[in-house]
Every structure is written in C-alpha cells, then in structure tokens.
Amino acid sequence: MAKASIKIGTEVVVIAGSEKEKSGVITSINRKNDTVTVEGVNLRKKAVKPSGENEGGIVEFEGPLHISNVMPKERYDSRKAAKA
C-alpha cells in the first residue's frame, strides 16, 4: 500500500461508491486489507443469535470502505473550491 496520510480521528469524505459525498470521522484502520471504518457511513445490518453477551436480533454496524475511496475533508474542500 502507498503511504496514506489518514489516521484515526481524521475527518474524511467518501469520494466513490453508493455513499459518495458523505463525511465522517475515521474510527478504525485495517492496514492489511487497506480499509477504513468511517463513523455514520456505510451502515450495514446483521442478524445475530442470542448469546450470553447480547440479546440477539438485528445489529447495525459500520462496514469497511477501501482507503482509496476516502479523502481528507480539507483536501476535498480545496479541490472543490479550485474547480468552481
């Protein structure tokens, strides 16, 4: 993977895919798979069986996005301003 200037806590904008132009803060990074998890973006639902830890039902969580599909918000805003 190329060197990324993205760290946990960085505010980013999604630049590709079904969640395009949504923004949020990075909550986790998986450098092995080149993915990031962004707060409030790419929400998924999963059915979970009851166990000792949880009561089961449908759980909603943030799915991972490939690191190439996100851009730091400052950089995104400056590129958008340059085009206008």
C-alpha atoms as a PDB file:
ATOM      1  CA  MET A   1       0.000   0.000   0.000  1.00  0.00           C
ATOM      2  CA  ALA A   2       1.128   3.529  -0.681  1.00  0.00           C
ATOM      3  CA  LYS A   3       1.762   5.813   2.276  1.00  0.00           C
ATOM      4  CA  ALA A   4      -1.572   7.196   3.443  1.00  0.00           C
ATOM      5  CA  SER A   5      -1.984  10.472   5.308  1.00  0.00           C
ATOM      6  CA  ILE A   6      -5.081   9.150   7.038  1.00  0.00           C
ATOM      7  CA  LYS A   7      -5.132   8.458  10.779  1.00  0.00           C
ATOM      8  CA  ILE A   8      -7.810   7.557  13.308  1.00  0.00           C
ATOM      9  CA  GLY A   9      -9.783  10.696  14.142  1.00  0.00           C
ATOM     10  CA  THR A  10      -9.277  12.304  10.717  1.00  0.00           C
ATOM     11  CA  GLU A  11     -12.423  13.769   9.165  1.00  0.00           C
ATOM     12  CA  VAL A  12     -12.878  12.325   5.671  1.00  0.00           C
ATOM     13  CA  VAL A  13     -15.286  12.472   2.723  1.00  0.00           C
ATOM     14  CA  VAL A  14     -16.261   9.408   0.684  1.00  0.00           C
ATOM     15  CA  ILE A  15     -15.390  10.095  -2.972  1.00  0.00           C
ATOM     16  CA  ALA A  16     -16.725   6.933  -4.644  1.00  0.00           C
ATOM     17  CA  GLY A  17     -19.484   4.358  -4.298  1.00  0.00           C
ATOM     18  CA  SER A  18     -23.034   4.457  -3.014  1.00  0.00           C
ATOM     19  CA  GLU A  19     -22.043   6.602  -0.005  1.00  0.00           C
ATOM     20  CA  LYS A  20     -20.435   9.298  -2.214  1.00  0.00           C
ATOM     21  CA  GLU A  21     -20.016  12.783  -0.659  1.00  0.00           C
ATOM     22  CA  LYS A  22     -20.927  11.630   2.861  1.00  0.00           C
ATOM     23  CA  SER A  23     -18.463  12.620   5.551  1.00  0.00           C
ATOM     24  CA  GLY A  24     -17.441  11.331   8.957  1.00  0.00           C
ATOM     25  CA  VAL A  25     -14.561  10.594  11.282  1.00  0.00           C
ATOM     26  CA  ILE A  26     -12.344   7.513  10.906  1.00  0.00           C
ATOM     27  CA  THR A  27     -12.886   5.095  13.794  1.00  0.00           C
ATOM     28  CA  SER A  28     -10.560   2.264  12.709  1.00  0.00           C
ATOM     29  CA  ILE A  29      -7.969   1.405  10.077  1.00  0.00           C
ATOM     30  CA  ASN A  30      -7.052  -2.056   8.772  1.00  0.00           C
ATOM     31  CA  ARG A  31      -3.697  -1.630   7.017  1.00  0.00           C
ATOM     32  CA  LYS A  32      -3.553  -5.308   5.980  1.00  0.00           C
ATOM     33  CA  ASN A  33      -6.704  -5.001   3.830  1.00  0.00           C
ATOM     34  CA  ASP A  34      -6.335  -1.247   3.125  1.00  0.00           C
ATOM     35  CA  THR A  35      -9.740  -0.471   4.617  1.00  0.00           C
ATOM     36  CA  VAL A  36     -11.109   2.161   6.985  1.00  0.00           C
ATOM     37  CA  THR A  37     -14.288   2.396   9.029  1.00  0.00           C
ATOM     38  CA  VAL A  38     -15.979   5.795   8.996  1.00  0.00           C
ATOM     39  CA  GLU A  39     -18.465   6.821  11.675  1.00  0.00           C
ATOM     40  CA  GLY A  40     -22.030   7.005  10.314  1.00  0.00           C
ATOM     41  CA  VAL A  41     -21.109   5.879   6.780  1.00  0.00           C
ATOM     42  CA  ASN A  42     -21.713   2.524   5.036  1.00  0.00           C
ATOM     43  CA  LEU A  43     -24.160   1.236   7.651  1.00  0.00           C
ATOM     44  CA  ARG A  44     -24.885  -2.489   7.452  1.00  0.00           C
ATOM     45  CA  LYS A  45     -27.336  -4.750   9.260  1.00  0.00           C
ATOM     46  CA  LYS A  46     -26.683  -8.249  10.517  1.00  0.00           C
ATOM     47  CA  ALA A  47     -28.922 -10.785  12.255  1.00  0.00           C
ATOM     48  CA  VAL A  48     -27.310 -12.060  15.460  1.00  0.00           C
ATOM     49  CA  LYS A  49     -28.314 -15.094  17.526  1.00  0.00           C
ATOM     50  CA  PRO A  50     -28.853 -14.546  21.237  1.00  0.00           C
ATOM     51  CA  SER A  51     -25.883 -15.405  23.445  1.00  0.00           C
ATOM     52  CA  GLY A  52     -24.601 -14.585  26.907  1.00  0.00           C
ATOM     53  CA  GLU A  53     -23.225 -11.234  25.748  1.00  0.00           C
ATOM     54  CA  ASN A  54     -26.153  -9.951  23.700  1.00  0.00           C
ATOM     55  CA  GLU A  55     -29.859 -10.488  23.409  1.00  0.00           C
ATOM     56  CA  GLY A  56     -29.773 -11.111  19.661  1.00  0.00           C
ATOM     57  CA  GLY A  57     -31.826  -9.533  16.910  1.00  0.00           C
ATOM     58  CA  ILE A  58     -30.710  -7.182  14.180  1.00  0.00           C
ATOM     59  CA  VAL A  59     -27.481  -5.288  14.828  1.00  0.00           C
ATOM     60  CA  GLU A  60     -26.456  -2.249  12.783  1.00  0.00           C
ATOM     61  CA  PHE A  61     -22.739  -1.539  12.268  1.00  0.00           C
ATOM     62  CA  GLU A  62     -20.416   0.469  10.026  1.00  0.00           C
ATOM     63  CA  GLY A  63     -18.906  -1.570   7.224  1.00  0.00           C
ATOM     64  CA  PRO A  64     -15.360  -1.010   5.971  1.00  0.00           C
ATOM     65  CA  LEU A  65     -14.521   1.176   2.955  1.00  0.00           C
ATOM     66  CA  HIS A  66     -11.405   0.845   0.828  1.00  0.00           C
ATOM     67  CA  ILE A  67      -8.883   3.534   1.691  1.00  0.00           C
ATOM     68  CA  SER A  68      -8.826   4.744  -1.941  1.00  0.00           C
ATOM     69  CA  ASN A  69     -12.499   5.729  -1.661  1.00  0.00           C
ATOM     70  CA  VAL A  70     -11.969   8.321   1.073  1.00  0.00           C
ATOM     71  CA  MET A  71     -10.189  11.683   1.087  1.00  0.00           C
ATOM     72  CA  PRO A  72      -9.371  14.061   3.964  1.00  0.00           C
ATOM     73  CA  LYS A  73     -12.061  16.757   4.201  1.00  0.00           C
ATOM     74  CA  GLU A  74      -9.614  19.687   3.937  1.00  0.00           C
ATOM     75  CA  ARG A  75      -8.167  18.310   0.696  1.00  0.00           C
ATOM     76  CA  TYR A  76     -11.650  17.593  -0.691  1.00  0.00           C
ATOM     77  CA  ASP A  77     -12.849  21.133   0.078  1.00  0.00           C
ATOM     78  CA  SER A  78      -9.777  22.728  -1.525  1.00  0.00           C
ATOM     79  CA  ARG A  79     -10.190  20.636  -4.715  1.00  0.00           C
ATOM     80  CA  LYS A  80     -13.878  21.531  -4.889  1.00  0.00           C
ATOM     81  CA  ALA A  81     -13.105  25.239  -4.473  1.00  0.00           C
ATOM     82  CA  ALA A  82     -10.445  25.071  -7.193  1.00  0.00           C
ATOM     83  CA  LYS A  83     -12.937  23.616  -9.677  1.00  0.00           C
ATOM     84  CA  ALA A  84     -15.521  26.359  -9.028  1.00  0.00           C
END
